[in-house]
């Protein structure tokens, strides 16, 4: 299947994707647990599905084991929140961060551009990561506007 690659190619691969700007989301599950992700992508509209990848860690393991989770798509207003969830030991789910809990138990961020409640369909291990393909169960639209992107290891927020 897949094997380790030449270190030079691996380093170039990382550099290539650092140069590629992406949107930012916080993936959260009951517990509560959560992490910042810049790998969220739309997979299909019918049926609605998305994907993301996570590297091994306490929060990732909890999300991978959860029957459902939320994918909260962040705006520029969430720059500090993205940073908090991206670093180990950062504050999570504090009262001033604006989190709420769905009746089904998952944390949700009402001020996000959108929060998608999803359930895993496929977990695909690849190297030290897992690709998650999830079916979207519910979509909660928040206020439009503002963009938050991750580029070259930095978060950039801009109101539009």
N, C-alpha and C. Protein backbone atom coordinates (compact mmCIF):
# COMPACT_ATOMS: atom_id res chain seq x y z
N UNK A 1 0.85 -1.17 0.00
CA UNK A 1 0.00 0.00 0.00
C UNK A 1 0.89 1.24 0.00
N UNK A 2 0.83 2.06 1.06
CA UNK A 2 1.68 3.25 1.14
C UNK A 2 2.89 2.92 1.99
N UNK A 3 4.01 3.56 1.68
CA UNK A 3 5.21 3.36 2.48
C UNK A 3 5.83 4.72 2.75
N UNK A 4 6.83 4.72 3.59
CA UNK A 4 7.53 5.96 3.88
C UNK A 4 8.18 6.47 2.60
N UNK A 5 8.27 7.80 2.48
CA UNK A 5 8.86 8.39 1.28
C UNK A 5 10.18 9.04 1.62
N UNK A 6 10.92 9.34 0.62
CA UNK A 6 12.19 10.03 0.77
C UNK A 6 11.98 11.30 1.60
N UNK A 7 12.86 11.56 2.56
CA UNK A 7 12.74 12.73 3.43
C UNK A 7 12.66 14.02 2.65
N UNK A 8 13.44 14.17 1.60
CA UNK A 8 13.42 15.39 0.80
C UNK A 8 12.05 15.62 0.17
N UNK A 9 11.43 14.56 -0.34
CA UNK A 9 10.11 14.69 -0.93
C UNK A 9 9.09 15.03 0.16
N UNK A 10 9.20 14.41 1.33
CA UNK A 10 8.30 14.71 2.44
C UNK A 10 8.39 16.17 2.85
N UNK A 11 9.60 16.69 2.95
CA UNK A 11 9.78 18.11 3.30
C UNK A 11 9.21 19.03 2.22
N UNK A 12 9.43 18.67 0.97
CA UNK A 12 8.88 19.48 -0.12
C UNK A 12 7.36 19.43 -0.13
N UNK A 13 6.80 18.26 0.17
CA UNK A 13 5.36 18.10 0.25
C UNK A 13 4.77 19.02 1.31
N UNK A 14 5.37 19.03 2.50
CA UNK A 14 4.91 19.91 3.58
C UNK A 14 5.00 21.37 3.15
N UNK A 15 6.10 21.77 2.52
CA UNK A 15 6.26 23.14 2.06
C UNK A 15 5.19 23.50 1.03
N UNK A 16 4.91 22.58 0.12
CA UNK A 16 3.90 22.83 -0.91
C UNK A 16 2.55 23.15 -0.27
N UNK A 17 2.14 22.36 0.72
CA UNK A 17 0.83 22.59 1.33
C UNK A 17 0.83 23.77 2.30
N UNK A 18 1.97 24.16 2.82
CA UNK A 18 2.03 25.39 3.62
C UNK A 18 1.75 26.60 2.74
N UNK A 19 2.07 26.49 1.48
CA UNK A 19 1.86 27.58 0.52
C UNK A 19 0.42 27.65 0.02
N UNK A 20 -0.38 26.67 0.35
CA UNK A 20 -1.74 26.56 -0.13
C UNK A 20 -2.71 27.01 0.97
N UNK A 21 -3.37 28.16 0.81
CA UNK A 21 -4.27 28.64 1.86
C UNK A 21 -5.54 27.78 1.94
N UNK A 22 -6.02 27.58 3.16
CA UNK A 22 -7.22 26.78 3.37
C UNK A 22 -8.12 27.46 4.39
N UNK A 23 -9.38 27.08 4.40
CA UNK A 23 -10.32 27.53 5.42
C UNK A 23 -9.99 26.86 6.74
N UNK A 24 -10.64 27.34 7.80
CA UNK A 24 -10.35 26.84 9.15
C UNK A 24 -11.66 26.43 9.83
N UNK A 25 -11.61 25.30 10.52
CA UNK A 25 -12.77 24.80 11.25
C UNK A 25 -12.32 24.28 12.60
N UNK A 26 -13.26 24.21 13.52
CA UNK A 26 -13.04 23.48 14.77
C UNK A 26 -13.98 22.29 14.75
N UNK A 27 -13.39 21.11 14.88
CA UNK A 27 -14.16 19.88 14.94
C UNK A 27 -14.30 19.53 16.41
N UNK A 28 -15.54 19.29 16.84
CA UNK A 28 -15.80 19.09 18.27
C UNK A 28 -16.75 17.91 18.48
N UNK A 29 -16.54 17.21 19.59
CA UNK A 29 -17.40 16.09 19.95
C UNK A 29 -17.75 16.20 21.43
N UNK A 30 -18.75 15.44 21.84
CA UNK A 30 -19.16 15.42 23.24
C UNK A 30 -17.96 15.05 24.09
N UNK A 31 -17.92 15.60 25.25
CA UNK A 31 -16.80 15.39 26.17
C UNK A 31 -16.59 16.57 27.08
N UNK A 32 -16.44 17.77 26.59
CA UNK A 32 -16.24 18.12 25.19
C UNK A 32 -14.76 18.01 24.81
N UNK A 33 -14.53 17.71 23.53
CA UNK A 33 -13.19 17.70 22.95
C UNK A 33 -13.25 18.42 21.62
N UNK A 34 -12.13 19.00 21.22
CA UNK A 34 -12.12 19.69 19.94
C UNK A 34 -10.72 19.98 19.46
N UNK A 35 -10.61 20.25 18.17
CA UNK A 35 -9.32 20.60 17.57
C UNK A 35 -9.55 21.48 16.35
N UNK A 36 -8.55 22.26 16.02
CA UNK A 36 -8.58 23.09 14.82
C UNK A 36 -8.17 22.24 13.63
N UNK A 37 -8.90 22.39 12.52
CA UNK A 37 -8.59 21.64 11.30
C UNK A 37 -8.60 22.58 10.10
N UNK A 38 -7.64 22.38 9.22
CA UNK A 38 -7.62 23.14 7.98
C UNK A 38 -7.75 22.20 6.79
N UNK A 39 -8.21 20.98 7.04
CA UNK A 39 -8.31 19.98 5.98
C UNK A 39 -9.75 19.65 5.62
N UNK A 40 -10.71 20.44 6.07
CA UNK A 40 -12.12 20.14 5.80
C UNK A 40 -12.44 20.40 4.33
N UNK A 41 -13.15 19.45 3.72
CA UNK A 41 -13.54 19.60 2.32
C UNK A 41 -14.93 19.01 2.09
N UNK A 42 -15.64 19.60 1.17
CA UNK A 42 -16.92 19.05 0.72
C UNK A 42 -16.63 17.83 -0.13
N UNK A 43 -17.37 16.74 0.10
CA UNK A 43 -17.19 15.53 -0.68
C UNK A 43 -18.35 15.34 -1.66
N UNK A 44 -19.57 15.52 -1.18
CA UNK A 44 -20.76 15.33 -2.02
C UNK A 44 -21.90 16.18 -1.48
N UNK A 45 -22.79 16.57 -2.39
CA UNK A 45 -23.99 17.32 -1.97
C UNK A 45 -25.18 16.40 -1.81
N UNK A 46 -25.18 15.25 -2.51
CA UNK A 46 -26.30 14.33 -2.44
C UNK A 46 -25.79 12.90 -2.43
N UNK A 47 -25.68 12.25 -1.30
CA UNK A 47 -26.00 12.78 0.02
C UNK A 47 -24.91 13.72 0.53
N UNK A 48 -25.26 14.66 1.40
CA UNK A 48 -24.25 15.61 1.90
C UNK A 48 -23.17 14.89 2.70
N UNK A 49 -21.92 15.13 2.31
CA UNK A 49 -20.80 14.50 3.00
C UNK A 49 -19.60 15.44 2.95
N UNK A 50 -18.73 15.29 3.93
CA UNK A 50 -17.51 16.09 4.03
C UNK A 50 -16.37 15.17 4.43
N UNK A 51 -15.16 15.72 4.36
CA UNK A 51 -14.00 14.96 4.81
C UNK A 51 -13.05 15.89 5.55
N UNK A 52 -12.20 15.29 6.37
CA UNK A 52 -11.10 15.99 7.04
C UNK A 52 -10.10 14.94 7.48
N UNK A 53 -8.92 15.40 7.86
CA UNK A 53 -7.93 14.46 8.39
C UNK A 53 -7.44 14.96 9.74
N UNK A 54 -7.07 14.01 10.57
CA UNK A 54 -6.53 14.32 11.89
C UNK A 54 -5.30 13.47 12.14
N UNK A 55 -4.36 14.04 12.90
CA UNK A 55 -3.20 13.29 13.35
C UNK A 55 -3.50 12.74 14.73
N UNK A 56 -2.80 11.69 15.12
CA UNK A 56 -3.04 11.06 16.41
C UNK A 56 -2.83 12.03 17.56
N UNK A 57 -3.73 12.02 18.49
CA UNK A 57 -3.67 12.83 19.70
C UNK A 57 -4.93 12.56 20.51
N UNK A 58 -4.97 13.04 21.74
CA UNK A 58 -6.10 12.77 22.62
C UNK A 58 -7.42 13.24 22.00
N UNK A 59 -7.47 14.49 21.54
CA UNK A 59 -8.70 15.03 20.96
C UNK A 59 -9.08 14.28 19.69
N UNK A 60 -8.09 13.99 18.85
CA UNK A 60 -8.37 13.26 17.61
C UNK A 60 -8.93 11.88 17.90
N UNK A 61 -8.36 11.17 18.85
CA UNK A 61 -8.85 9.84 19.20
C UNK A 61 -10.29 9.90 19.69
N UNK A 62 -10.61 10.92 20.49
CA UNK A 62 -11.98 11.07 21.00
C UNK A 62 -12.95 11.36 19.85
N UNK A 63 -12.55 12.21 18.93
CA UNK A 63 -13.41 12.53 17.78
C UNK A 63 -13.59 11.29 16.90
N UNK A 64 -12.50 10.56 16.65
CA UNK A 64 -12.59 9.35 15.82
C UNK A 64 -13.49 8.29 16.45
N UNK A 65 -13.59 8.28 17.76
CA UNK A 65 -14.43 7.30 18.45
C UNK A 65 -15.85 7.76 18.70
N UNK A 66 -16.16 9.00 18.36
CA UNK A 66 -17.49 9.55 18.62
C UNK A 66 -18.49 9.11 17.55
N UNK A 67 -19.75 8.89 17.95
CA UNK A 67 -20.77 8.53 16.97
C UNK A 67 -21.16 9.72 16.08
N UNK A 68 -20.91 10.94 16.56
CA UNK A 68 -21.17 12.14 15.78
C UNK A 68 -20.34 13.28 16.35
N UNK A 69 -20.22 14.34 15.56
CA UNK A 69 -19.40 15.50 15.94
C UNK A 69 -19.89 16.70 15.14
N UNK A 70 -19.39 17.88 15.51
CA UNK A 70 -19.71 19.08 14.73
C UNK A 70 -18.44 19.57 14.04
N UNK A 71 -18.64 20.13 12.86
CA UNK A 71 -17.58 20.78 12.10
C UNK A 71 -18.02 22.23 12.01
N UNK A 72 -17.35 23.09 12.78
CA UNK A 72 -17.71 24.50 12.90
C UNK A 72 -16.80 25.31 11.99
N UNK A 73 -17.36 25.87 10.91
CA UNK A 73 -16.60 26.64 9.93
C UNK A 73 -16.42 28.06 10.45
N UNK A 74 -15.18 28.48 10.64
CA UNK A 74 -14.87 29.71 11.34
C UNK A 74 -14.78 30.93 10.43
N UNK A 75 -15.09 32.09 11.02
CA UNK A 75 -14.95 33.38 10.33
C UNK A 75 -13.79 34.14 10.98
N UNK A 76 -13.54 35.34 10.46
CA UNK A 76 -12.47 36.18 10.99
C UNK A 76 -12.64 36.47 12.47
N UNK A 77 -13.88 36.49 12.93
CA UNK A 77 -14.15 36.76 14.35
C UNK A 77 -13.61 35.66 15.27
N UNK A 78 -13.25 34.53 14.70
CA UNK A 78 -12.80 33.38 15.50
C UNK A 78 -11.30 33.14 15.44
N UNK A 79 -10.55 34.15 15.08
CA UNK A 79 -9.10 34.01 14.95
C UNK A 79 -8.46 33.49 16.25
N UNK A 80 -8.78 34.10 17.37
CA UNK A 80 -8.19 33.67 18.65
C UNK A 80 -8.64 32.26 19.02
N UNK A 81 -9.89 31.94 18.72
CA UNK A 81 -10.41 30.61 19.01
C UNK A 81 -9.66 29.54 18.20
N UNK A 82 -9.40 29.83 16.94
CA UNK A 82 -8.64 28.89 16.10
C UNK A 82 -7.26 28.65 16.69
N UNK A 83 -6.63 29.72 17.13
CA UNK A 83 -5.29 29.58 17.74
C UNK A 83 -5.36 28.77 19.02
N UNK A 84 -6.38 29.03 19.86
CA UNK A 84 -6.52 28.29 21.13
C UNK A 84 -6.65 26.79 20.90
N UNK A 85 -7.48 26.41 19.93
CA UNK A 85 -7.72 24.98 19.68
C UNK A 85 -6.60 24.32 18.89
N UNK A 86 -5.73 25.13 18.29
CA UNK A 86 -4.63 24.58 17.50
C UNK A 86 -3.42 24.23 18.37
N UNK A 87 -3.36 24.78 19.58
CA UNK A 87 -2.18 24.52 20.40
C UNK A 87 -2.53 23.66 21.61
N UNK A 88 -1.61 22.82 21.96
CA UNK A 88 -1.78 21.95 23.12
C UNK A 88 -1.89 22.81 24.37
N UNK A 89 -2.88 22.53 25.19
CA UNK A 89 -3.06 23.26 26.43
C UNK A 89 -3.79 24.58 26.29
N UNK A 90 -4.21 24.93 25.07
CA UNK A 90 -4.98 26.16 24.87
C UNK A 90 -6.35 26.04 25.51
N UNK A 91 -6.95 27.17 25.90
CA UNK A 91 -8.29 27.11 26.51
C UNK A 91 -9.31 26.57 25.52
N UNK A 92 -10.20 25.73 26.02
CA UNK A 92 -11.23 25.13 25.18
C UNK A 92 -12.56 25.15 25.90
N UNK A 93 -13.59 25.52 25.14
CA UNK A 93 -14.98 25.47 25.61
C UNK A 93 -15.21 26.32 26.85
N UNK A 94 -14.54 27.46 26.93
CA UNK A 94 -14.75 28.38 28.05
C UNK A 94 -16.03 29.18 27.81
N UNK A 95 -16.65 29.70 28.86
CA UNK A 95 -17.89 30.47 28.69
C UNK A 95 -17.74 31.66 27.74
N UNK A 96 -16.60 32.34 27.76
CA UNK A 96 -16.44 33.52 26.91
C UNK A 96 -16.17 33.18 25.45
N UNK A 97 -15.96 31.90 25.10
CA UNK A 97 -15.72 31.52 23.70
C UNK A 97 -17.02 31.36 22.91
N UNK A 98 -18.17 31.35 23.59
CA UNK A 98 -19.46 31.34 22.89
C UNK A 98 -20.02 29.98 22.53
N UNK A 99 -19.50 28.91 23.11
CA UNK A 99 -19.98 27.57 22.79
C UNK A 99 -21.36 27.30 23.37
N UNK A 100 -22.09 26.42 22.73
CA UNK A 100 -23.36 25.90 23.21
C UNK A 100 -23.30 24.39 23.02
N UNK A 101 -24.31 23.68 23.47
CA UNK A 101 -24.35 22.23 23.30
C UNK A 101 -25.66 21.86 22.62
N UNK A 102 -25.57 21.04 21.58
CA UNK A 102 -26.77 20.56 20.90
C UNK A 102 -27.50 19.57 21.80
N UNK A 103 -28.80 19.37 21.59
CA UNK A 103 -29.53 18.38 22.39
C UNK A 103 -28.92 16.98 22.30
N UNK A 104 -28.19 16.71 21.23
CA UNK A 104 -27.54 15.41 21.04
C UNK A 104 -26.19 15.32 21.73
N UNK A 105 -25.72 16.43 22.37
CA UNK A 105 -24.51 16.41 23.18
C UNK A 105 -23.26 17.01 22.58
N UNK A 106 -23.25 17.28 21.27
CA UNK A 106 -22.05 17.84 20.66
C UNK A 106 -21.94 19.34 20.91
N UNK A 107 -20.72 19.84 21.13
CA UNK A 107 -20.52 21.29 21.24
C UNK A 107 -20.78 21.93 19.88
N UNK A 108 -21.35 23.13 19.90
CA UNK A 108 -21.62 23.87 18.68
C UNK A 108 -21.29 25.33 18.91
N UNK A 109 -20.80 25.99 17.89
CA UNK A 109 -20.42 27.39 17.97
C UNK A 109 -21.45 28.21 17.20
N UNK A 110 -22.46 28.78 17.89
CA UNK A 110 -23.53 29.49 17.20
C UNK A 110 -23.06 30.65 16.32
N UNK A 111 -21.94 31.27 16.61
CA UNK A 111 -21.44 32.38 15.82
C UNK A 111 -20.62 31.98 14.62
N UNK A 112 -20.45 30.66 14.37
CA UNK A 112 -19.67 30.20 13.22
C UNK A 112 -20.41 30.50 11.93
N UNK A 113 -19.68 30.54 10.82
CA UNK A 113 -20.32 30.71 9.51
C UNK A 113 -21.36 29.62 9.31
N UNK A 114 -21.02 28.41 9.72
CA UNK A 114 -21.92 27.27 9.69
C UNK A 114 -21.38 26.22 10.62
N UNK A 115 -22.28 25.44 11.20
CA UNK A 115 -21.90 24.29 12.00
C UNK A 115 -22.62 23.09 11.40
N UNK A 116 -21.83 22.09 11.09
CA UNK A 116 -22.36 20.89 10.44
C UNK A 116 -22.27 19.73 11.42
N UNK A 117 -23.40 19.15 11.77
CA UNK A 117 -23.38 17.96 12.61
C UNK A 117 -23.24 16.77 11.67
N UNK A 118 -22.28 15.91 11.95
CA UNK A 118 -21.97 14.81 11.03
C UNK A 118 -21.67 13.53 11.79
N UNK A 119 -21.78 12.42 11.08
CA UNK A 119 -21.46 11.10 11.63
C UNK A 119 -20.47 10.42 10.69
N UNK A 120 -19.48 9.75 11.25
CA UNK A 120 -18.46 9.12 10.40
C UNK A 120 -19.03 8.01 9.52
N UNK A 121 -18.61 8.02 8.27
CA UNK A 121 -18.96 6.95 7.32
C UNK A 121 -17.76 6.04 7.09
N UNK A 122 -16.57 6.66 6.95
CA UNK A 122 -15.34 5.91 6.70
C UNK A 122 -14.18 6.55 7.46
N UNK A 123 -13.36 5.73 8.08
CA UNK A 123 -12.11 6.17 8.71
C UNK A 123 -10.99 5.46 7.96
N UNK A 124 -10.11 6.24 7.33
CA UNK A 124 -9.06 5.66 6.51
C UNK A 124 -7.70 6.03 7.08
N UNK A 125 -7.00 5.08 7.70
CA UNK A 125 -5.66 5.37 8.20
C UNK A 125 -4.68 5.56 7.04
N UNK A 126 -3.90 6.65 7.12
CA UNK A 126 -2.87 6.93 6.13
C UNK A 126 -1.67 7.47 6.89
N UNK A 127 -0.59 6.71 6.96
CA UNK A 127 0.58 7.14 7.72
C UNK A 127 0.19 7.39 9.17
N UNK A 128 0.56 8.58 9.69
CA UNK A 128 0.24 8.91 11.08
C UNK A 128 -1.04 9.72 11.19
N UNK A 129 -1.84 9.73 10.13
CA UNK A 129 -3.11 10.47 10.11
C UNK A 129 -4.27 9.52 9.81
N UNK A 130 -5.48 10.04 10.03
CA UNK A 130 -6.70 9.33 9.65
C UNK A 130 -7.56 10.30 8.85
N UNK A 131 -7.98 9.86 7.68
CA UNK A 131 -8.93 10.62 6.87
C UNK A 131 -10.33 10.17 7.27
N UNK A 132 -11.17 11.15 7.58
CA UNK A 132 -12.54 10.90 7.98
C UNK A 132 -13.46 11.36 6.86
N UNK A 133 -14.34 10.48 6.42
CA UNK A 133 -15.43 10.86 5.53
C UNK A 133 -16.69 10.73 6.36
N UNK A 134 -17.47 11.81 6.41
CA UNK A 134 -18.64 11.85 7.30
C UNK A 134 -19.88 12.32 6.56
N UNK A 135 -20.99 11.72 6.91
CA UNK A 135 -22.28 12.15 6.38
C UNK A 135 -22.82 13.30 7.22
N UNK A 136 -23.31 14.33 6.58
CA UNK A 136 -23.85 15.49 7.28
C UNK A 136 -25.30 15.22 7.64
N UNK A 137 -25.60 15.36 8.94
CA UNK A 137 -26.92 15.09 9.50
C UNK A 137 -27.74 16.37 9.64
N UNK A 138 -27.05 17.46 9.93
CA UNK A 138 -27.73 18.72 10.22
C UNK A 138 -26.80 19.88 9.86
N UNK A 139 -27.37 20.96 9.33
CA UNK A 139 -26.60 22.16 9.01
C UNK A 139 -27.23 23.33 9.74
N UNK A 140 -26.42 24.02 10.53
CA UNK A 140 -26.85 25.22 11.25
C UNK A 140 -26.08 26.39 10.68
N UNK A 141 -26.77 27.28 9.97
CA UNK A 141 -26.11 28.43 9.37
C UNK A 141 -26.02 29.57 10.37
N UNK A 142 -24.84 30.16 10.47
CA UNK A 142 -24.61 31.31 11.33
C UNK A 142 -24.58 32.57 10.49
N UNK A 143 -24.07 33.65 11.07
CA UNK A 143 -24.01 34.91 10.33
C UNK A 143 -23.00 34.84 9.19
N UNK A 144 -23.34 35.38 8.02
CA UNK A 144 -22.39 35.35 6.90
C UNK A 144 -21.31 36.41 7.09
N UNK A 145 -20.27 36.31 6.31
CA UNK A 145 -19.23 37.34 6.29
C UNK A 145 -18.00 36.98 7.07
N UNK A 146 -16.92 37.58 6.66
CA UNK A 146 -15.63 37.35 7.30
C UNK A 146 -15.03 36.04 6.86
N UNK A 147 -13.74 36.04 6.70
CA UNK A 147 -13.08 34.79 6.31
C UNK A 147 -11.85 34.58 7.19
N UNK A 148 -11.59 33.34 7.46
CA UNK A 148 -10.42 32.95 8.23
C UNK A 148 -9.71 31.89 7.42
N UNK A 149 -8.44 32.11 7.13
CA UNK A 149 -7.66 31.14 6.37
C UNK A 149 -6.37 30.80 7.10
N UNK A 150 -5.88 29.62 6.80
CA UNK A 150 -4.60 29.16 7.33
C UNK A 150 -3.64 29.10 6.16
N UNK A 151 -2.50 29.79 6.30
CA UNK A 151 -1.52 29.84 5.22
C UNK A 151 -0.13 29.94 5.83
N UNK A 152 0.75 29.06 5.44
CA UNK A 152 2.14 29.06 5.88
C UNK A 152 2.26 29.12 7.41
N UNK A 153 1.50 28.24 8.08
CA UNK A 153 1.50 28.09 9.54
C UNK A 153 0.96 29.29 10.30
N UNK A 154 0.18 30.14 9.63
CA UNK A 154 -0.36 31.34 10.27
C UNK A 154 -1.85 31.45 9.92
N UNK A 155 -2.66 31.92 10.87
CA UNK A 155 -4.06 32.20 10.64
C UNK A 155 -4.21 33.66 10.23
N UNK A 156 -5.03 33.91 9.21
CA UNK A 156 -5.32 35.25 8.74
C UNK A 156 -6.83 35.45 8.72
N UNK A 157 -7.30 36.50 9.37
CA UNK A 157 -8.72 36.81 9.39
C UNK A 157 -8.99 38.12 8.70
N UNK A 158 -10.09 38.16 7.94
CA UNK A 158 -10.45 39.39 7.23
C UNK A 158 -11.96 39.47 7.15
N UNK A 159 -12.52 40.59 7.55
CA UNK A 159 -13.95 40.79 7.39
C UNK A 159 -14.24 41.18 5.95
N UNK A 160 -15.34 40.66 5.43
CA UNK A 160 -15.74 41.02 4.06
C UNK A 160 -17.17 41.51 4.07
